[in-house]
Amino acid sequence: MENGKTNKGIFGIPIAYGESIEDEARYTLHSHICVWIKGFNEVGDLMFDKDHVLRHDARKEMLKYFN
């Protein structure tokens, strides 16, 4: 990031993240992390488009995120 280049990462280009740490009843700490990926919402929205071709293409793109 120092040289102006970003790493695409395993899911795409990360644009923001948030983390919270909590403990269980047995006092064991664990973390919940939420990462916002550039373009992810647009792909998710297209999965419900009226155009079946767009829905199909969006589904294929979404599967690439998870594979």
C-alpha atoms as a PDB file:
ATOM      1  CA  MET A   1       0.000   0.000   0.000  1.00  0.00           C
ATOM      2  CA  GLU A   2       2.944   2.321   0.547  1.00  0.00           C
ATOM      3  CA  ASN A   3       3.721   2.418  -3.174  1.00  0.00           C
ATOM      4  CA  GLY A   4       0.098   3.067  -4.140  1.00  0.00           C
ATOM      5  CA  LYS A   5      -0.584  -0.503  -5.209  1.00  0.00           C
ATOM      6  CA  THR A   6      -3.159  -2.676  -3.488  1.00  0.00           C
ATOM      7  CA  ASN A   7      -3.394  -6.414  -3.187  1.00  0.00           C
ATOM      8  CA  LYS A   8      -6.624  -7.827  -4.543  1.00  0.00           C
ATOM      9  CA  GLY A   9      -6.806 -10.351  -1.719  1.00  0.00           C
ATOM     10  CA  ILE A  10      -8.527 -13.720  -1.862  1.00  0.00           C
ATOM     11  CA  PHE A  11     -12.074 -12.300  -2.176  1.00  0.00           C
ATOM     12  CA  GLY A  12     -11.420  -9.128  -4.175  1.00  0.00           C
ATOM     13  CA  ILE A  13     -10.351  -5.599  -3.307  1.00  0.00           C
ATOM     14  CA  PRO A  14     -11.036  -4.846   0.367  1.00  0.00           C
ATOM     15  CA  ILE A  15     -12.347  -1.312   0.981  1.00  0.00           C
ATOM     16  CA  ALA A  16     -13.069  -1.447   4.718  1.00  0.00           C
ATOM     17  CA  TYR A  17     -13.102  -3.787   7.672  1.00  0.00           C
ATOM     18  CA  GLY A  18     -14.339  -3.932  11.231  1.00  0.00           C
ATOM     19  CA  GLU A  19     -13.534  -6.247  14.091  1.00  0.00           C
ATOM     20  CA  SER A  20     -14.948  -6.957  17.498  1.00  0.00           C
ATOM     21  CA  ILE A  21     -13.537  -9.193  20.194  1.00  0.00           C
ATOM     22  CA  GLU A  22     -15.735 -10.957  22.702  1.00  0.00           C
ATOM     23  CA  ASP A  23     -15.377 -13.585  25.354  1.00  0.00           C
ATOM     24  CA  GLU A  24     -17.385 -16.711  25.980  1.00  0.00           C
ATOM     25  CA  ALA A  25     -18.693 -17.785  29.352  1.00  0.00           C
ATOM     26  CA  ARG A  26     -15.431 -19.703  29.812  1.00  0.00           C
ATOM     27  CA  TYR A  27     -13.410 -16.491  29.332  1.00  0.00           C
ATOM     28  CA  THR A  28     -12.041 -17.516  25.939  1.00  0.00           C
ATOM     29  CA  LEU A  29     -11.558 -14.613  23.557  1.00  0.00           C
ATOM     30  CA  HIS A  30     -12.513 -14.790  19.899  1.00  0.00           C
ATOM     31  CA  SER A  31     -12.880 -12.271  17.108  1.00  0.00           C
ATOM     32  CA  HIS A  32     -15.582 -11.434  14.576  1.00  0.00           C
ATOM     33  CA  ILE A  33     -14.283  -9.723  11.456  1.00  0.00           C
ATOM     34  CA  CYS A  34     -16.372  -8.087   8.743  1.00  0.00           C
ATOM     35  CA  VAL A  35     -14.663  -7.134   5.473  1.00  0.00           C
ATOM     36  CA  TRP A  36     -16.343  -5.002   2.790  1.00  0.00           C
ATOM     37  CA  ILE A  37     -15.295  -6.013  -0.721  1.00  0.00           C
ATOM     38  CA  LYS A  38     -15.432  -3.568  -3.638  1.00  0.00           C
ATOM     39  CA  GLY A  39     -18.313  -4.430  -5.953  1.00  0.00           C
ATOM     40  CA  PHE A  40     -19.694  -7.232  -3.748  1.00  0.00           C
ATOM     41  CA  ASN A  41     -23.056  -5.518  -3.120  1.00  0.00           C
ATOM     42  CA  GLU A  42     -23.541  -4.832  -6.806  1.00  0.00           C
ATOM     43  CA  VAL A  43     -23.055  -8.511  -7.612  1.00  0.00           C
ATOM     44  CA  GLY A  44     -25.429  -9.491  -4.814  1.00  0.00           C
ATOM     45  CA  ASP A  45     -28.076  -7.074  -6.074  1.00  0.00           C
ATOM     46  CA  LEU A  46     -27.783  -8.425  -9.623  1.00  0.00           C
ATOM     47  CA  MET A  47     -28.614 -11.905  -8.333  1.00  0.00           C
ATOM     48  CA  PHE A  48     -32.202 -10.625  -7.968  1.00  0.00           C
ATOM     49  CA  ASP A  49     -32.420  -8.734 -11.262  1.00  0.00           C
ATOM     50  CA  LYS A  50     -35.449  -9.270 -13.519  1.00  0.00           C
ATOM     51  CA  ASP A  51     -33.133 -10.187 -16.418  1.00  0.00           C
ATOM     52  CA  HIS A  52     -32.379 -13.907 -16.157  1.00  0.00           C
ATOM     53  CA  VAL A  53     -29.066 -13.496 -18.032  1.00  0.00           C
ATOM     54  CA  LEU A  54     -27.852 -10.921 -15.489  1.00  0.00           C
ATOM     55  CA  ARG A  55     -28.996 -13.194 -12.643  1.00  0.00           C
ATOM     56  CA  HIS A  56     -27.097 -16.114 -14.137  1.00  0.00           C
ATOM     57  CA  ASP A  57     -23.915 -14.084 -14.671  1.00  0.00           C
ATOM     58  CA  ALA A  58     -24.133 -12.621 -11.156  1.00  0.00           C
ATOM     59  CA  ARG A  59     -24.535 -16.108  -9.689  1.00  0.00           C
ATOM     60  CA  LYS A  60     -21.417 -17.293 -11.516  1.00  0.00           C
ATOM     61  CA  GLU A  61     -19.495 -14.247 -10.224  1.00  0.00           C
ATOM     62  CA  MET A  62     -20.725 -14.821  -6.662  1.00  0.00           C
ATOM     63  CA  LEU A  63     -19.614 -18.451  -6.813  1.00  0.00           C
ATOM     64  CA  LYS A  64     -16.139 -17.272  -7.797  1.00  0.00           C
ATOM     65  CA  TYR A  65     -16.008 -15.258  -4.545  1.00  0.00           C
ATOM     66  CA  PHE A  66     -16.722 -18.365  -2.499  1.00  0.00           C
ATOM     67  CA  ASN A  67     -14.643 -20.824  -4.487  1.00  0.00           C
END
